């Protein structure tokens, strides 16, 4: 029950159900508390807004070479109010600091998600 509640809460904030989290919580309901903490850290405004935190998640995911993570965090950033320009600029900074492979990892998300956001 807690797992569904946490998954629903995250979905309401980012506009879609986060695939990996939903599967993990379904398989291990006790992990819901962990995801609830992640929700509080990333999706709550503080000194940084949730939008900027999600842009950070997107960039860090690119440096970790996780294209599915980039796709989900880019989609979430857009749903939290990020603009196309903010996403592209954040990825440019990631490219400068972490190399061309970060853009390659983000390629699929750029082609599918940002193409729809025009």
N, C-alpha and C. Protein backbone atom coordinates (compact mmCIF):
# COMPACT_ATOMS: atom_id res chain seq x y z
N UNK A 1 0.82 -1.20 0.00
CA UNK A 1 0.00 0.00 0.00
C UNK A 1 0.86 1.26 0.00
N UNK A 2 1.90 1.29 0.86
CA UNK A 2 2.79 2.44 0.91
C UNK A 2 3.48 2.63 -0.44
N UNK A 3 3.85 1.51 -1.09
CA UNK A 3 4.52 1.59 -2.39
C UNK A 3 3.66 2.29 -3.42
N UNK A 4 2.39 1.95 -3.49
CA UNK A 4 1.48 2.59 -4.44
C UNK A 4 1.30 4.06 -4.11
N UNK A 5 1.22 4.37 -2.83
CA UNK A 5 1.05 5.76 -2.40
C UNK A 5 2.27 6.60 -2.81
N UNK A 6 3.45 6.08 -2.58
CA UNK A 6 4.68 6.79 -2.92
C UNK A 6 4.79 6.95 -4.43
N UNK A 7 4.53 5.88 -5.17
CA UNK A 7 4.59 5.93 -6.63
C UNK A 7 3.60 6.95 -7.18
N UNK A 8 2.39 6.99 -6.62
CA UNK A 8 1.37 7.94 -7.05
C UNK A 8 1.81 9.38 -6.75
N UNK A 9 2.41 9.58 -5.58
CA UNK A 9 2.87 10.91 -5.18
C UNK A 9 3.96 11.43 -6.14
N UNK A 10 4.91 10.57 -6.45
CA UNK A 10 5.98 10.95 -7.38
C UNK A 10 5.38 11.24 -8.76
N UNK A 11 4.47 10.37 -9.21
CA UNK A 11 3.83 10.54 -10.51
C UNK A 11 3.11 11.87 -10.62
N UNK A 12 2.44 12.28 -9.55
CA UNK A 12 1.72 13.55 -9.54
C UNK A 12 2.69 14.72 -9.71
N UNK A 13 3.88 14.61 -9.15
CA UNK A 13 4.84 15.71 -9.22
C UNK A 13 5.54 15.79 -10.58
N UNK A 14 5.89 14.63 -11.16
CA UNK A 14 6.67 14.67 -12.40
C UNK A 14 5.84 14.40 -13.65
N UNK A 15 4.58 14.02 -13.49
CA UNK A 15 3.69 13.86 -14.63
C UNK A 15 3.66 12.48 -15.27
N UNK A 16 4.37 11.52 -14.72
CA UNK A 16 4.35 10.15 -15.22
C UNK A 16 4.88 9.23 -14.14
N UNK A 17 4.59 7.93 -14.30
CA UNK A 17 5.08 6.97 -13.30
C UNK A 17 6.53 6.61 -13.62
N UNK A 18 7.43 6.81 -12.67
CA UNK A 18 8.83 6.47 -12.91
C UNK A 18 9.01 4.96 -12.98
N UNK A 19 9.31 4.45 -14.16
CA UNK A 19 9.37 3.02 -14.41
C UNK A 19 10.19 2.21 -13.42
N UNK A 20 11.49 2.47 -13.31
CA UNK A 20 12.31 1.64 -12.41
C UNK A 20 11.85 1.69 -10.97
N UNK A 21 11.48 2.85 -10.49
CA UNK A 21 11.03 2.97 -9.11
C UNK A 21 9.74 2.19 -8.90
N UNK A 22 8.82 2.27 -9.84
CA UNK A 22 7.55 1.56 -9.71
C UNK A 22 7.76 0.05 -9.66
N UNK A 23 8.63 -0.45 -10.51
CA UNK A 23 8.91 -1.89 -10.53
C UNK A 23 9.57 -2.32 -9.23
N UNK A 24 10.56 -1.55 -8.79
CA UNK A 24 11.29 -1.91 -7.58
C UNK A 24 10.36 -1.90 -6.36
N UNK A 25 9.53 -0.88 -6.26
CA UNK A 25 8.60 -0.78 -5.12
C UNK A 25 7.58 -1.92 -5.16
N UNK A 26 7.17 -2.31 -6.37
CA UNK A 26 6.23 -3.43 -6.50
C UNK A 26 6.87 -4.74 -6.03
N UNK A 27 8.13 -4.94 -6.41
CA UNK A 27 8.83 -6.17 -6.02
C UNK A 27 9.28 -6.16 -4.57
N UNK A 28 9.56 -4.97 -4.05
CA UNK A 28 10.04 -4.84 -2.67
C UNK A 28 9.34 -3.66 -2.00
N UNK A 29 8.11 -3.85 -1.52
CA UNK A 29 7.34 -2.76 -0.93
C UNK A 29 8.06 -2.02 0.19
N UNK A 30 8.99 -2.67 0.88
CA UNK A 30 9.71 -1.98 1.96
C UNK A 30 10.62 -0.88 1.42
N UNK A 31 10.93 -0.93 0.13
CA UNK A 31 11.78 0.11 -0.46
C UNK A 31 11.02 1.42 -0.67
N UNK A 32 9.71 1.41 -0.47
CA UNK A 32 8.91 2.61 -0.67
C UNK A 32 9.40 3.76 0.21
N UNK A 33 9.82 3.46 1.42
CA UNK A 33 10.32 4.52 2.32
C UNK A 33 11.56 5.18 1.73
N UNK A 34 12.42 4.39 1.08
CA UNK A 34 13.61 4.94 0.43
C UNK A 34 13.21 5.90 -0.68
N UNK A 35 12.28 5.48 -1.53
CA UNK A 35 11.84 6.34 -2.62
C UNK A 35 11.11 7.58 -2.11
N UNK A 36 10.44 7.45 -0.98
CA UNK A 36 9.78 8.61 -0.39
C UNK A 36 10.83 9.65 0.03
N UNK A 37 11.95 9.19 0.58
CA UNK A 37 13.05 10.09 0.94
C UNK A 37 13.65 10.75 -0.30
N UNK A 38 13.83 9.96 -1.36
CA UNK A 38 14.34 10.53 -2.62
C UNK A 38 13.40 11.60 -3.13
N UNK A 39 12.11 11.33 -3.04
CA UNK A 39 11.09 12.29 -3.45
C UNK A 39 11.25 13.59 -2.69
N UNK A 40 11.45 13.51 -1.39
CA UNK A 40 11.59 14.71 -0.57
C UNK A 40 12.84 15.50 -0.95
N UNK A 41 13.93 14.81 -1.22
CA UNK A 41 15.19 15.49 -1.54
C UNK A 41 15.15 16.12 -2.93
N UNK A 42 14.71 15.37 -3.92
CA UNK A 42 14.80 15.83 -5.30
C UNK A 42 13.59 16.65 -5.74
N UNK A 43 12.40 16.25 -5.36
CA UNK A 43 11.20 16.87 -5.92
C UNK A 43 10.58 17.94 -5.04
N UNK A 44 11.28 18.36 -4.01
CA UNK A 44 10.80 19.46 -3.17
C UNK A 44 11.68 20.67 -3.39
N UNK A 45 11.05 21.83 -3.47
CA UNK A 45 11.82 23.06 -3.61
C UNK A 45 12.56 23.37 -2.32
N UNK A 46 13.78 23.82 -2.46
CA UNK A 46 14.60 24.26 -1.34
C UNK A 46 15.39 25.45 -1.84
N UNK A 47 16.67 25.52 -1.53
CA UNK A 47 17.52 26.56 -2.10
C UNK A 47 17.53 26.42 -3.62
N UNK A 48 17.43 25.17 -4.10
CA UNK A 48 17.26 24.89 -5.53
C UNK A 48 15.83 24.42 -5.75
N UNK A 49 15.24 24.85 -6.84
CA UNK A 49 13.89 24.38 -7.16
C UNK A 49 13.95 22.92 -7.62
N UNK A 50 12.81 22.26 -7.55
CA UNK A 50 12.73 20.87 -8.02
C UNK A 50 13.13 20.78 -9.49
N UNK A 51 12.80 21.80 -10.27
CA UNK A 51 13.15 21.81 -11.69
C UNK A 51 14.67 21.76 -11.86
N UNK A 52 15.39 22.60 -11.13
CA UNK A 52 16.85 22.62 -11.27
C UNK A 52 17.48 21.35 -10.71
N UNK A 53 16.89 20.81 -9.66
CA UNK A 53 17.40 19.54 -9.13
C UNK A 53 17.25 18.44 -10.18
N UNK A 54 16.12 18.43 -10.90
CA UNK A 54 15.92 17.40 -11.92
C UNK A 54 16.86 17.62 -13.11
N UNK A 55 17.19 18.86 -13.42
CA UNK A 55 18.20 19.12 -14.46
C UNK A 55 19.55 18.56 -14.01
N UNK A 56 19.87 18.70 -12.73
CA UNK A 56 21.11 18.11 -12.20
C UNK A 56 21.07 16.59 -12.31
N UNK A 57 19.94 15.99 -11.97
CA UNK A 57 19.80 14.54 -12.09
C UNK A 57 20.03 14.11 -13.54
N UNK A 58 19.47 14.87 -14.48
CA UNK A 58 19.64 14.55 -15.90
C UNK A 58 21.11 14.59 -16.30
N UNK A 59 21.81 15.63 -15.88
CA UNK A 59 23.22 15.77 -16.25
C UNK A 59 24.09 14.71 -15.59
N UNK A 60 23.84 14.44 -14.34
CA UNK A 60 24.60 13.40 -13.64
C UNK A 60 24.33 12.04 -14.28
N UNK A 61 23.08 11.80 -14.66
CA UNK A 61 22.73 10.54 -15.33
C UNK A 61 23.50 10.39 -16.64
N UNK A 62 23.68 11.50 -17.36
CA UNK A 62 24.45 11.45 -18.61
C UNK A 62 25.90 11.09 -18.33
N UNK A 63 26.47 11.65 -17.27
CA UNK A 63 27.87 11.33 -16.95
C UNK A 63 28.01 9.89 -16.48
N UNK A 64 26.93 9.31 -15.96
CA UNK A 64 26.95 7.92 -15.50
C UNK A 64 26.59 6.96 -16.64
N UNK A 65 26.35 7.52 -17.84
CA UNK A 65 26.08 6.74 -19.05
C UNK A 65 24.77 5.94 -18.97
N UNK A 66 23.76 6.52 -18.35
CA UNK A 66 22.46 5.84 -18.21
C UNK A 66 21.42 6.55 -19.08
N UNK A 67 21.26 6.07 -20.32
CA UNK A 67 20.36 6.77 -21.23
C UNK A 67 18.90 6.72 -20.78
N UNK A 68 18.45 5.63 -20.18
CA UNK A 68 17.07 5.58 -19.67
C UNK A 68 16.88 6.59 -18.54
N UNK A 69 17.90 6.75 -17.71
CA UNK A 69 17.83 7.73 -16.61
C UNK A 69 17.76 9.15 -17.17
N UNK A 70 18.54 9.42 -18.23
CA UNK A 70 18.50 10.74 -18.88
C UNK A 70 17.11 10.99 -19.44
N UNK A 71 16.56 9.99 -20.10
CA UNK A 71 15.23 10.13 -20.70
C UNK A 71 14.18 10.45 -19.63
N UNK A 72 14.17 9.70 -18.55
CA UNK A 72 13.17 9.93 -17.50
C UNK A 72 13.38 11.27 -16.81
N UNK A 73 14.62 11.63 -16.53
CA UNK A 73 14.85 12.90 -15.83
C UNK A 73 14.60 14.09 -16.74
N UNK A 74 14.87 13.96 -18.05
CA UNK A 74 14.57 15.04 -18.99
C UNK A 74 13.06 15.25 -19.06
N UNK A 75 12.33 14.17 -19.16
CA UNK A 75 10.86 14.24 -19.19
C UNK A 75 10.34 14.87 -17.89
N UNK A 76 10.88 14.46 -16.76
CA UNK A 76 10.47 15.02 -15.48
C UNK A 76 10.81 16.51 -15.40
N UNK A 77 12.00 16.89 -15.87
CA UNK A 77 12.40 18.30 -15.84
C UNK A 77 11.43 19.15 -16.66
N UNK A 78 11.05 18.66 -17.83
CA UNK A 78 10.06 19.39 -18.64
C UNK A 78 8.74 19.52 -17.90
N UNK A 79 8.29 18.44 -17.28
CA UNK A 79 7.03 18.47 -16.54
C UNK A 79 7.11 19.37 -15.30
N UNK A 80 8.32 19.60 -14.80
CA UNK A 80 8.51 20.50 -13.66
C UNK A 80 8.74 21.94 -14.10
N UNK A 81 8.67 22.19 -15.41
CA UNK A 81 8.76 23.56 -15.91
C UNK A 81 10.03 23.93 -16.64
N UNK A 82 10.95 23.00 -16.81
CA UNK A 82 12.19 23.32 -17.55
C UNK A 82 11.84 23.58 -19.01
N UNK A 83 12.57 24.49 -19.61
CA UNK A 83 12.37 24.78 -21.02
C UNK A 83 13.35 23.96 -21.86
N UNK A 84 13.06 23.90 -23.13
CA UNK A 84 13.96 23.23 -24.08
C UNK A 84 15.36 23.84 -23.98
N UNK A 85 15.41 25.16 -23.91
CA UNK A 85 16.68 25.87 -23.85
C UNK A 85 17.46 25.53 -22.59
N UNK A 86 16.76 25.42 -21.45
CA UNK A 86 17.43 25.06 -20.20
C UNK A 86 18.02 23.65 -20.27
N UNK A 87 17.27 22.75 -20.87
CA UNK A 87 17.77 21.37 -21.01
C UNK A 87 19.00 21.34 -21.90
N UNK A 88 18.94 22.03 -23.03
CA UNK A 88 20.09 22.04 -23.94
C UNK A 88 21.31 22.70 -23.31
N UNK A 89 21.10 23.79 -22.59
CA UNK A 89 22.23 24.46 -21.94
C UNK A 89 22.84 23.59 -20.85
N UNK A 90 21.99 22.93 -20.07
CA UNK A 90 22.50 22.03 -19.03
C UNK A 90 23.34 20.92 -19.65
N UNK A 91 22.88 20.38 -20.77
CA UNK A 91 23.64 19.33 -21.44
C UNK A 91 24.93 19.86 -22.06
N UNK A 92 24.93 21.13 -22.51
CA UNK A 92 26.18 21.73 -23.02
C UNK A 92 27.21 21.82 -21.91
N UNK A 93 26.78 22.24 -20.72
CA UNK A 93 27.71 22.31 -19.58
C UNK A 93 28.24 20.91 -19.26
N UNK A 94 27.36 19.92 -19.31
CA UNK A 94 27.78 18.54 -19.05
C UNK A 94 28.79 18.09 -20.10
N UNK A 95 28.57 18.46 -21.35
CA UNK A 95 29.50 18.12 -22.43
C UNK A 95 30.87 18.74 -22.17
N UNK A 96 30.89 20.01 -21.78
CA UNK A 96 32.16 20.71 -21.53
C UNK A 96 32.91 20.06 -20.37
N UNK A 97 32.20 19.70 -19.32
CA UNK A 97 32.87 19.18 -18.12
C UNK A 97 33.12 17.68 -18.15
N UNK A 98 32.33 16.95 -18.95
CA UNK A 98 32.43 15.49 -18.89
C UNK A 98 32.67 14.80 -20.22
N UNK A 99 32.68 15.55 -21.31
CA UNK A 99 33.02 14.95 -22.59
C UNK A 99 31.84 14.62 -23.49
N UNK A 100 32.20 14.32 -24.73
CA UNK A 100 31.22 14.09 -25.79
C UNK A 100 30.31 12.90 -25.53
N UNK A 101 30.79 11.91 -24.80
CA UNK A 101 29.96 10.73 -24.56
C UNK A 101 28.67 11.08 -23.82
N UNK A 102 28.67 12.17 -23.06
CA UNK A 102 27.45 12.55 -22.33
C UNK A 102 26.35 12.97 -23.30
N UNK A 103 26.73 13.62 -24.40
CA UNK A 103 25.74 14.01 -25.40
C UNK A 103 25.23 12.77 -26.14
N UNK A 104 26.12 11.83 -26.39
CA UNK A 104 25.71 10.59 -27.05
C UNK A 104 24.68 9.85 -26.20
N UNK A 105 24.89 9.82 -24.89
CA UNK A 105 23.95 9.15 -23.99
C UNK A 105 22.60 9.87 -24.01
N UNK A 106 22.60 11.19 -24.15
CA UNK A 106 21.37 11.97 -24.14
C UNK A 106 20.69 12.02 -25.50
N UNK A 107 21.32 11.48 -26.53
CA UNK A 107 20.83 11.58 -27.91
C UNK A 107 19.39 11.08 -28.05
N UNK A 108 19.09 9.91 -27.53
CA UNK A 108 17.75 9.33 -27.68
C UNK A 108 16.70 10.24 -27.03
N UNK A 109 16.99 10.72 -25.85
CA UNK A 109 16.04 11.59 -25.15
C UNK A 109 15.87 12.91 -25.90
N UNK A 110 16.96 13.45 -26.40
CA UNK A 110 16.88 14.70 -27.16
C UNK A 110 15.99 14.51 -28.39
N UNK A 111 16.18 13.40 -29.09
CA UNK A 111 15.41 13.16 -30.31
C UNK A 111 13.93 12.89 -30.03
N UNK A 112 13.63 12.17 -28.97
CA UNK A 112 12.23 11.81 -28.73
C UNK A 112 11.49 12.83 -27.88
N UNK A 113 12.07 13.23 -26.78
CA UNK A 113 11.34 14.10 -25.85
C UNK A 113 11.36 15.56 -26.28
N UNK A 114 12.52 16.09 -26.63
CA UNK A 114 12.57 17.50 -27.01
C UNK A 114 11.89 17.74 -28.35
N UNK A 115 11.88 16.76 -29.23
CA UNK A 115 11.17 16.91 -30.49
C UNK A 115 9.68 17.14 -30.24
N UNK A 116 9.14 16.47 -29.23
CA UNK A 116 7.72 16.62 -28.87
C UNK A 116 7.46 17.94 -28.15
N UNK A 117 8.49 18.49 -27.51
CA UNK A 117 8.31 19.69 -26.69
C UNK A 117 8.36 20.98 -27.49
N UNK A 118 8.57 20.89 -28.76
CA UNK A 118 8.69 22.12 -29.58
C UNK A 118 7.41 22.88 -29.68
